[in-house]
Structures are given as structure tokens and as C-alpha cells.
Amino acid sequence: MPSFGIRRDGDDIAFSKLIRERDKWTCQRCGKVYPEKSQALHAAHIFSRGIKRTRHDPVNALALCYGCHSYFHTRPLEFHDWARERLGKKKYDALKIRASRILPEPRKAGRAKEAHNE
């Protein structure tokens, strides 16, 4: 399965299987059904799997065949419009917030001590 440049670990492999099983080994765009363990069906992320907060969030993934996954990778705006329609605006917007939330960086011990002494 192409990784689109990101390494997969055991959690990623288990997550991919979970998504493909949840979607009954069926591409959610074209409807083609694949045999179990097929490498042609991917767990495609709506928001990049490089975003750790939503990488293993089942709402952020759906089963797409290689062709549909590749098609959407070249048409990201169309993909997000399709995903928004599929999830519904409320669910999509909540996922978008989770994926884009900027978390504060943890303070380093030295900086915290300096701030306390000021």
C-alpha cells in the first residue's frame, strides 16, 4: 500500500484494518467491494495523517480504493467538499477543529523557573 511519504507502524496497520472493516471492504466513493486484506483498498485520511491528534480518529478516515484515493489526492478541495457532504457539516467542522487546534508548547523546566522568579 503506498504510504504517501509517511511511515506506518503497528498502530497505523491496525487502524487501517479497523477502517476497512468498518466500511465493509468497500470503497466509499465508487462502491467497489474488495476481498479482505486487499492492498488496493486504503484507509484514507480526510485531514493529513501527519496530524497526530486525528491520525487514529475513525471519523478522520474512510475506505477508498487506490484509484479514488489517488484521484482525491490530486483534487483536495473536491475531496474536502465530498467529505463534508458525507460526514455532515457539524461533524466535519468538529473534526476540522480537532485537526487544526494549535496546542501550546510545554514550557521547559528552566523557562518555568525563570518566569516564577521574575
C-alpha atoms as a PDB file:
ATOM      1  CA  MET A   1       0.000   0.000   0.000  1.00  0.00           C
ATOM      2  CA  PRO A   2       1.500   3.394  -0.879  1.00  0.00           C
ATOM      3  CA  SER A   3       2.373   5.385   2.200  1.00  0.00           C
ATOM      4  CA  PHE A   4       2.291   8.826   0.577  1.00  0.00           C
ATOM      5  CA  GLY A   5       5.605   9.567   2.333  1.00  0.00           C
ATOM      6  CA  ILE A   6       4.761   8.680   5.942  1.00  0.00           C
ATOM      7  CA  ARG A   7       5.984   5.546   7.674  1.00  0.00           C
ATOM      8  CA  ARG A   8       3.417   3.155   9.112  1.00  0.00           C
ATOM      9  CA  ASP A   9       3.767   1.462  12.475  1.00  0.00           C
ATOM     10  CA  GLY A  10       1.707  -1.269  14.139  1.00  0.00           C
ATOM     11  CA  ASP A  11      -0.929   1.223  15.293  1.00  0.00           C
ATOM     12  CA  ASP A  12      -1.306   2.516  11.721  1.00  0.00           C
ATOM     13  CA  ILE A  13      -1.720  -1.003  10.359  1.00  0.00           C
ATOM     14  CA  ALA A  14      -4.361  -1.850  12.993  1.00  0.00           C
ATOM     15  CA  PHE A  15      -6.155   1.455  12.337  1.00  0.00           C
ATOM     16  CA  SER A  16      -6.192   0.804   8.590  1.00  0.00           C
ATOM     17  CA  LYS A  17      -7.724  -2.625   9.156  1.00  0.00           C
ATOM     18  CA  LEU A  18     -10.339  -1.139  11.522  1.00  0.00           C
ATOM     19  CA  ILE A  19     -11.417   1.444   8.918  1.00  0.00           C
ATOM     20  CA  ARG A  20     -11.581  -1.055   6.056  1.00  0.00           C
ATOM     21  CA  GLU A  21     -13.594  -3.488   8.203  1.00  0.00           C
ATOM     22  CA  ARG A  22     -15.918  -0.707   9.401  1.00  0.00           C
ATOM     23  CA  ASP A  23     -16.556   0.244   5.778  1.00  0.00           C
ATOM     24  CA  LYS A  24     -17.139  -3.422   4.878  1.00  0.00           C
ATOM     25  CA  TRP A  25     -14.135  -3.563   2.498  1.00  0.00           C
ATOM     26  CA  THR A  26     -15.989  -1.177   0.173  1.00  0.00           C
ATOM     27  CA  CYS A  27     -14.670   1.997  -1.447  1.00  0.00           C
ATOM     28  CA  GLN A  28     -16.808   4.793  -0.051  1.00  0.00           C
ATOM     29  CA  ARG A  29     -16.598   6.779  -3.296  1.00  0.00           C
ATOM     30  CA  CYS A  30     -17.093   4.280  -6.134  1.00  0.00           C
ATOM     31  CA  GLY A  31     -18.705   1.435  -4.187  1.00  0.00           C
ATOM     32  CA  LYS A  32     -16.364  -1.323  -5.373  1.00  0.00           C
ATOM     33  CA  VAL A  33     -16.125  -4.186  -2.864  1.00  0.00           C
ATOM     34  CA  TYR A  34     -12.689  -5.695  -2.175  1.00  0.00           C
ATOM     35  CA  PRO A  35     -11.712  -9.019  -0.637  1.00  0.00           C
ATOM     36  CA  GLU A  36     -10.431  -8.875   2.941  1.00  0.00           C
ATOM     37  CA  LYS A  37      -6.749  -7.996   3.224  1.00  0.00           C
ATOM     38  CA  SER A  38      -6.738  -6.373  -0.229  1.00  0.00           C
ATOM     39  CA  GLN A  39      -3.887  -3.908  -0.700  1.00  0.00           C
ATOM     40  CA  ALA A  40      -5.995  -1.977  -3.223  1.00  0.00           C
ATOM     41  CA  LEU A  41      -8.308  -0.561  -0.530  1.00  0.00           C
ATOM     42  CA  HIS A  42      -6.838   2.171   1.674  1.00  0.00           C
ATOM     43  CA  ALA A  43      -7.804   3.839   4.914  1.00  0.00           C
ATOM     44  CA  ALA A  44      -7.747   7.386   3.562  1.00  0.00           C
ATOM     45  CA  HIS A  45      -7.466  10.325   5.962  1.00  0.00           C
ATOM     46  CA  ILE A  46      -9.607  13.414   5.491  1.00  0.00           C
ATOM     47  CA  PHE A  47      -7.109  15.587   7.345  1.00  0.00           C
ATOM     48  CA  SER A  48      -3.488  14.555   6.942  1.00  0.00           C
ATOM     49  CA  ARG A  49      -2.362  11.539   8.895  1.00  0.00           C
ATOM     50  CA  GLY A  50       0.688  13.632   9.748  1.00  0.00           C
ATOM     51  CA  ILE A  51      -1.545  15.425  12.285  1.00  0.00           C
ATOM     52  CA  LYS A  52      -1.103  13.260  15.376  1.00  0.00           C
ATOM     53  CA  ARG A  53      -4.284  14.476  17.128  1.00  0.00           C
ATOM     54  CA  THR A  54      -6.515  12.994  14.437  1.00  0.00           C
ATOM     55  CA  ARG A  55      -4.224  10.354  12.906  1.00  0.00           C
ATOM     56  CA  HIS A  56      -6.097   7.451  14.542  1.00  0.00           C
ATOM     57  CA  ASP A  57      -9.502   9.145  14.811  1.00  0.00           C
ATOM     58  CA  PRO A  58     -12.040   6.924  12.975  1.00  0.00           C
ATOM     59  CA  VAL A  59     -14.069   9.995  11.975  1.00  0.00           C
ATOM     60  CA  ASN A  60     -10.977  11.208  10.082  1.00  0.00           C
ATOM     61  CA  ALA A  61     -10.696   8.157   7.826  1.00  0.00           C
ATOM     62  CA  LEU A  62     -12.697   6.165   5.331  1.00  0.00           C
ATOM     63  CA  ALA A  63     -12.023   3.337   2.928  1.00  0.00           C
ATOM     64  CA  LEU A  64     -11.072   4.405  -0.592  1.00  0.00           C
ATOM     65  CA  CYS A  65      -9.728   2.267  -3.403  1.00  0.00           C
ATOM     66  CA  TYR A  66      -6.346   3.139  -4.831  1.00  0.00           C
ATOM     67  CA  GLY A  67      -7.942   4.897  -7.815  1.00  0.00           C
ATOM     68  CA  CYS A  68     -10.313   7.057  -5.764  1.00  0.00           C
ATOM     69  CA  HIS A  69      -7.622   7.813  -3.168  1.00  0.00           C
ATOM     70  CA  SER A  70      -5.210   8.916  -5.914  1.00  0.00           C
ATOM     71  CA  TYR A  71      -7.957  10.947  -7.608  1.00  0.00           C
ATOM     72  CA  PHE A  72      -8.721  12.852  -4.414  1.00  0.00           C
ATOM     73  CA  HIS A  73      -5.022  13.438  -3.663  1.00  0.00           C
ATOM     74  CA  THR A  74      -4.865  15.490  -6.857  1.00  0.00           C
ATOM     75  CA  ARG A  75      -8.130  17.314  -6.052  1.00  0.00           C
ATOM     76  CA  PRO A  76      -8.010  18.241  -2.345  1.00  0.00           C
ATOM     77  CA  LEU A  77     -10.774  20.865  -2.496  1.00  0.00           C
ATOM     78  CA  GLU A  78     -13.130  18.426  -4.184  1.00  0.00           C
ATOM     79  CA  PHE A  79     -12.171  15.792  -1.616  1.00  0.00           C
ATOM     80  CA  HIS A  80     -12.980  18.079   1.319  1.00  0.00           C
ATOM     81  CA  ASP A  81     -16.306  19.104  -0.248  1.00  0.00           C
ATOM     82  CA  TRP A  82     -17.142  15.409  -0.701  1.00  0.00           C
ATOM     83  CA  ALA A  83     -16.032  14.540   2.851  1.00  0.00           C
ATOM     84  CA  ARG A  84     -18.044  17.457   4.319  1.00  0.00           C
ATOM     85  CA  GLU A  85     -21.156  16.257   2.487  1.00  0.00           C
ATOM     86  CA  ARG A  86     -20.532  12.664   3.572  1.00  0.00           C
ATOM     87  CA  LEU A  87     -19.922  13.475   7.265  1.00  0.00           C
ATOM     88  CA  GLY A  88     -22.341  16.359   7.518  1.00  0.00           C
ATOM     89  CA  LYS A  89     -21.263  19.930   8.213  1.00  0.00           C
ATOM     90  CA  LYS A  90     -21.385  19.689  12.020  1.00  0.00           C
ATOM     91  CA  LYS A  91     -19.269  16.520  12.223  1.00  0.00           C
ATOM     92  CA  TYR A  92     -16.843  17.749   9.546  1.00  0.00           C
ATOM     93  CA  ASP A  93     -16.375  21.133  11.251  1.00  0.00           C
ATOM     94  CA  ALA A  94     -15.731  19.462  14.636  1.00  0.00           C
ATOM     95  CA  LEU A  95     -13.124  17.216  13.006  1.00  0.00           C
ATOM     96  CA  LYS A  96     -11.531  20.216  11.295  1.00  0.00           C
ATOM     97  CA  ILE A  97     -11.217  21.999  14.646  1.00  0.00           C
ATOM     98  CA  ARG A  98      -9.632  18.914  16.248  1.00  0.00           C
ATOM     99  CA  ALA A  99      -7.209  18.612  13.327  1.00  0.00           C
ATOM    100  CA  SER A 100      -6.226  22.279  13.315  1.00  0.00           C
ATOM    101  CA  ARG A 101      -6.168  23.078  17.006  1.00  0.00           C
ATOM    102  CA  ILE A 102      -2.840  24.561  17.960  1.00  0.00           C
ATOM    103  CA  LEU A 103      -1.773  23.218  21.295  1.00  0.00           C
ATOM    104  CA  PRO A 104       0.524  25.296  23.483  1.00  0.00           C
ATOM    105  CA  GLU A 105       4.087  24.081  23.629  1.00  0.00           C
ATOM    106  CA  PRO A 106       5.034  22.677  27.017  1.00  0.00           C
ATOM    107  CA  ARG A 107       7.221  25.044  28.998  1.00  0.00           C
ATOM    108  CA  LYS A 108      10.760  23.935  29.548  1.00  0.00           C
ATOM    109  CA  ALA A 109      11.697  23.480  33.201  1.00  0.00           C
ATOM    110  CA  GLY A 110      14.322  26.231  33.032  1.00  0.00           C
ATOM    111  CA  ARG A 111      11.931  28.767  31.495  1.00  0.00           C
ATOM    112  CA  ALA A 112       9.209  27.944  34.008  1.00  0.00           C
ATOM    113  CA  LYS A 113      11.629  28.513  36.908  1.00  0.00           C
ATOM    114  CA  GLU A 114      12.830  31.827  35.409  1.00  0.00           C
ATOM    115  CA  ALA A 115       9.236  33.017  34.935  1.00  0.00           C
ATOM    116  CA  HIS A 116       8.436  32.096  38.532  1.00  0.00           C
ATOM    117  CA  ASN A 117      11.401  34.104  39.857  1.00  0.00           C
ATOM    118  CA  GLU A 118      10.515  37.260  37.879  1.00  0.00           C
END
